[in-house]
Amino acid sequence: MLRALVSIIIGATVTFGLFAFMAFLVGGGAQRNAESEDTPVIEITMDKQDSKAQKKPRVTPKPPPPPEQPPKPDTTPPDSSSNIDTNLAFNMGGIEAGGQVQALS
């Protein structure tokens, strides 16, 4: 019981000390304001000097030579005679699912 009471008192003292130290860091009151000098005037806008645009001479590239004409395609009709057999004969064998049946004893 004594240990818990001492822990609470020490914790409260440390917490109060930390809060007092933070208040000291943040505060300062009239002392900080009295030491400051006249605030400097800061100009946010700047006068921008006009600059002359420089003209760059543009040289147009020579046009590419025209492409060569591709050879004309052969216009002869395809040969209608064919040696391919178009009669399809599909013979699928049956599936045998039977087998020996063993009797359980």
Protein backbone atom coordinates (compact mmCIF):
# COMPACT_ATOMS: atom_id res chain seq x y z
CA MET A 1 0.00 0.00 0.00
CA LEU A 2 2.82 2.34 0.84
CA ARG A 3 4.49 1.57 -2.48
CA ALA A 4 1.36 2.55 -4.45
CA LEU A 5 0.94 5.79 -2.48
CA VAL A 6 4.56 6.81 -3.06
CA SER A 7 4.22 5.98 -6.81
CA ILE A 8 1.14 8.17 -7.13
CA ILE A 9 2.79 11.11 -5.34
CA ILE A 10 5.97 10.87 -7.45
CA GLY A 11 3.92 10.53 -10.69
CA ALA A 12 1.81 13.57 -9.84
CA THR A 13 4.93 15.61 -9.00
CA VAL A 14 6.66 14.68 -12.27
CA THR A 15 3.51 15.42 -14.27
CA PHE A 16 3.05 18.82 -12.62
CA GLY A 17 6.71 19.63 -13.21
CA LEU A 18 6.43 18.74 -16.90
CA PHE A 19 3.34 20.90 -17.36
CA ALA A 20 5.02 23.82 -15.58
CA PHE A 21 8.14 23.43 -17.77
CA MET A 22 6.02 23.35 -20.97
CA ALA A 23 4.15 26.48 -19.85
CA PHE A 24 7.52 28.19 -19.28
CA LEU A 25 8.70 27.22 -22.78
CA VAL A 26 5.53 28.40 -24.51
CA GLY A 27 4.96 31.50 -22.42
CA GLY A 28 7.27 34.37 -21.92
CA GLY A 29 4.76 37.13 -21.39
CA ALA A 30 5.89 40.72 -21.73
CA GLN A 31 9.61 39.88 -21.52
CA ARG A 32 9.79 38.46 -25.04
CA ASN A 33 7.79 41.28 -26.58
CA ALA A 34 9.85 44.00 -24.89
CA GLU A 35 13.14 42.76 -26.37
CA SER A 36 11.98 42.76 -29.98
CA GLU A 37 13.04 45.60 -32.24
CA ASP A 38 11.02 47.23 -34.98
CA THR A 39 9.70 44.62 -37.31
CA PRO A 40 11.25 44.76 -40.76
CA VAL A 41 9.04 45.56 -43.72
CA ILE A 42 8.95 42.68 -46.14
CA GLU A 43 7.86 43.24 -49.72
CA ILE A 44 6.01 40.30 -51.12
CA THR A 45 5.54 41.63 -54.64
CA MET A 46 8.53 42.24 -56.86
CA ASP A 47 8.72 44.40 -59.93
CA LYS A 48 9.22 42.14 -62.88
CA GLN A 49 11.37 43.60 -65.61
CA ASP A 50 10.08 43.19 -69.11
CA SER A 51 12.27 41.02 -71.24
CA LYS A 52 12.36 41.11 -74.99
CA ALA A 53 11.41 37.95 -76.77
CA GLN A 54 14.13 36.56 -78.96
CA LYS A 55 13.14 35.35 -82.38
CA LYS A 56 14.84 32.19 -83.50
CA PRO A 57 15.01 31.50 -87.23
CA ARG A 58 13.28 28.26 -88.08
CA VAL A 59 14.61 26.07 -90.85
CA THR A 60 12.02 23.80 -92.38
CA PRO A 61 13.34 20.31 -93.11
CA LYS A 62 13.34 18.98 -96.65
CA PRO A 63 10.34 16.80 -97.42
CA PRO A 64 11.13 13.08 -97.54
CA PRO A 65 11.30 11.42 -100.96
CA PRO A 66 8.08 9.74 -102.05
CA PRO A 67 7.94 6.03 -101.25
CA GLU A 68 8.64 3.58 -104.02
CA GLN A 69 5.61 1.93 -105.55
CA PRO A 70 5.19 -1.65 -104.30
CA PRO A 71 4.94 -4.35 -106.95
CA LYS A 72 1.42 -4.98 -108.18
CA PRO A 73 -0.19 -8.12 -106.76
CA ASP A 74 -0.79 -11.10 -108.97
CA THR A 75 -4.42 -10.95 -110.09
CA THR A 76 -4.72 -14.51 -111.40
CA PRO A 77 -7.55 -16.45 -109.72
CA PRO A 78 -6.58 -19.33 -107.44
CA ASP A 79 -6.62 -22.86 -108.78
CA SER A 80 -10.02 -24.39 -108.08
CA SER A 81 -8.87 -28.00 -108.30
CA SER A 82 -7.77 -29.39 -104.98
CA ASN A 83 -6.35 -32.69 -103.80
CA ILE A 84 -7.77 -32.27 -100.32
CA ASP A 85 -10.31 -34.90 -99.29
CA THR A 86 -13.38 -33.09 -97.96
CA ASN A 87 -15.27 -36.23 -96.86
CA LEU A 88 -14.78 -36.52 -93.16
CA ALA A 89 -15.07 -39.96 -91.66
CA PHE A 90 -14.99 -39.91 -87.91
CA ASN A 91 -15.12 -43.29 -86.20
CA MET A 92 -15.07 -43.13 -82.44
CA GLY A 93 -14.74 -46.38 -80.59
CA GLY A 94 -16.96 -47.16 -77.65
CA ILE A 95 -15.84 -46.98 -74.04
CA GLU A 96 -15.84 -50.15 -72.05
CA ALA A 97 -16.74 -49.44 -68.45
CA GLY A 98 -17.27 -53.00 -67.32
CA GLY A 99 -14.88 -55.04 -65.27
CA GLN A 100 -14.75 -57.80 -62.74
CA VAL A 101 -17.03 -57.39 -59.79
CA GLN A 102 -15.74 -58.82 -56.54
CA ALA A 103 -18.17 -59.81 -53.91
CA LEU A 104 -17.58 -58.55 -50.44
CA SER A 105 -17.81 -61.14 -47.75
